[in-house]
């Protein structure tokens, strides 16, 4: 059992990135249209736009990539030009379906979707 802080949240969950309220409906819609999905990859860009796509158990795309900006009819001009370049990503995570894949499977999917970082 995990320890909780004063606000009642588990300490180990506090650092975990998860969907914002404004992202939840989009994630739900993507999952609804992607029955083979085990999660939705979410990329938050520096400009405020978001990119999302469902992923299957092998880390392959299970939907088209959706790019949007909250409370806007269009994505920003920069995203229109570079399609939300990866270099402008501030945060990324995968919102898993319930039940979540096993931890080792999650790591393999994350590596395939987001790549890996090697330091020398």
Protein backbone atom coordinates (compact mmCIF):
# COMPACT_ATOMS: atom_id res chain seq x y z
CA UNK A 1 0.00 0.00 0.00
CA UNK A 2 1.42 3.40 -0.92
CA UNK A 3 1.78 6.28 1.49
CA UNK A 4 -0.35 9.34 0.89
CA UNK A 5 0.40 13.03 1.31
CA UNK A 6 -1.80 15.66 2.98
CA UNK A 7 -4.00 15.98 -0.08
CA UNK A 8 -4.66 12.23 -0.10
CA UNK A 9 -2.72 11.46 -3.29
CA UNK A 10 -0.27 8.62 -3.47
CA UNK A 11 3.29 9.99 -3.37
CA UNK A 12 4.46 7.82 -6.25
CA UNK A 13 1.59 9.09 -8.42
CA UNK A 14 2.39 12.79 -7.86
CA UNK A 15 5.26 12.83 -10.37
CA UNK A 16 3.38 10.78 -12.97
CA UNK A 17 2.29 12.76 -16.01
CA UNK A 18 -1.31 12.19 -16.95
CA UNK A 19 -4.05 13.73 -19.03
CA UNK A 20 -5.36 17.18 -18.28
CA UNK A 21 -9.11 17.64 -18.07
CA UNK A 22 -9.13 19.24 -21.53
CA UNK A 23 -7.36 16.17 -23.02
CA UNK A 24 -9.61 13.49 -21.55
CA UNK A 25 -12.46 13.82 -24.08
CA UNK A 26 -10.05 13.62 -27.01
CA UNK A 27 -8.36 10.55 -25.53
CA UNK A 28 -11.76 8.91 -25.01
CA UNK A 29 -12.77 9.60 -28.60
CA UNK A 30 -9.51 8.22 -29.97
CA UNK A 31 -9.85 5.05 -27.88
CA UNK A 32 -13.48 4.62 -28.91
CA UNK A 33 -12.46 4.63 -32.57
CA UNK A 34 -9.50 2.31 -32.03
CA UNK A 35 -10.62 -1.03 -30.54
CA UNK A 36 -7.14 -2.58 -30.80
CA UNK A 37 -5.52 0.28 -28.84
CA UNK A 38 -3.85 -0.29 -25.48
CA UNK A 39 -3.23 3.41 -24.96
CA UNK A 40 -3.00 6.88 -26.44
CA UNK A 41 0.34 8.63 -26.90
CA UNK A 42 0.08 12.31 -25.94
CA UNK A 43 2.62 14.96 -26.90
CA UNK A 44 2.32 18.46 -25.43
CA UNK A 45 4.05 21.05 -27.58
CA UNK A 46 5.64 24.32 -26.45
CA UNK A 47 3.10 26.28 -28.50
CA UNK A 48 0.15 24.81 -26.59
CA UNK A 49 -0.95 22.39 -29.31
CA UNK A 50 -1.35 18.66 -28.62
CA UNK A 51 -0.62 15.61 -30.76
CA UNK A 52 -2.25 12.28 -29.95
CA UNK A 53 -2.55 8.84 -31.49
CA UNK A 54 -3.69 5.44 -30.29
CA UNK A 55 -1.06 2.71 -30.03
CA UNK A 56 -1.49 -1.05 -30.17
CA UNK A 57 0.23 -3.71 -28.08
CA UNK A 58 3.22 -3.74 -30.45
CA UNK A 59 3.72 0.04 -30.29
CA UNK A 60 2.30 0.59 -33.77
CA UNK A 61 -0.16 3.37 -34.55
CA UNK A 62 -3.74 2.23 -34.03
CA UNK A 63 -5.27 5.51 -35.24
CA UNK A 64 -4.42 8.57 -37.25
CA UNK A 65 -2.39 11.27 -35.51
CA UNK A 66 -4.65 14.03 -34.21
CA UNK A 67 -3.22 17.49 -33.66
CA UNK A 68 -5.34 20.14 -32.00
CA UNK A 69 -5.28 23.23 -29.82
CA UNK A 70 -7.72 23.76 -26.95
CA UNK A 71 -10.40 26.38 -27.56
CA UNK A 72 -9.25 26.98 -31.12
CA UNK A 73 -10.57 26.07 -34.54
CA UNK A 74 -7.06 25.54 -35.92
CA UNK A 75 -3.64 24.55 -34.66
CA UNK A 76 -1.04 27.31 -34.44
CA UNK A 77 0.80 28.60 -37.50
CA UNK A 78 4.03 26.85 -36.47
CA UNK A 79 2.27 23.47 -36.24
CA UNK A 80 0.62 24.09 -39.60
CA UNK A 81 4.08 24.55 -41.07
CA UNK A 82 6.01 21.75 -39.32
CA UNK A 83 3.18 19.41 -38.22
CA UNK A 84 4.17 19.74 -34.56
CA UNK A 85 7.88 19.00 -34.80
CA UNK A 86 9.20 16.61 -32.15
CA UNK A 87 11.86 19.14 -31.10
CA UNK A 88 9.11 21.35 -29.66
CA UNK A 89 7.65 18.65 -27.39
CA UNK A 90 7.59 19.68 -23.72
CA UNK A 91 5.98 16.56 -22.27
CA UNK A 92 4.97 13.17 -23.57
CA UNK A 93 3.26 10.17 -22.03
CA UNK A 94 0.98 7.27 -22.85
CA UNK A 95 -2.45 7.13 -21.29
CA UNK A 96 -3.05 3.38 -20.89
CA UNK A 97 -6.37 1.58 -21.20
CA UNK A 98 -7.71 -0.44 -18.30
CA UNK A 99 -6.34 -3.02 -17.71
CA UNK A 100 -2.88 -1.64 -18.45
CA UNK A 101 -0.35 -3.79 -20.29
CA UNK A 102 2.38 -5.39 -18.17
CA UNK A 103 5.23 -3.02 -17.17
CA UNK A 104 7.76 -4.61 -19.51
CA UNK A 105 5.29 -4.33 -22.41
CA UNK A 106 4.68 -0.66 -21.50
CA UNK A 107 8.42 0.05 -21.62
CA UNK A 108 8.76 -1.60 -25.03
CA UNK A 109 5.82 0.40 -26.38
CA UNK A 110 7.18 3.68 -24.94
CA UNK A 111 10.59 3.03 -26.50
CA UNK A 112 9.06 2.33 -29.89
CA UNK A 113 6.71 5.33 -29.78
CA UNK A 114 9.01 7.97 -28.27
CA UNK A 115 12.44 6.49 -28.95
CA UNK A 116 15.21 6.01 -26.43
CA UNK A 117 17.87 8.34 -25.10
CA UNK A 118 21.48 7.25 -24.79
CA UNK A 119 24.04 9.30 -22.88
CA UNK A 120 27.77 8.88 -23.27
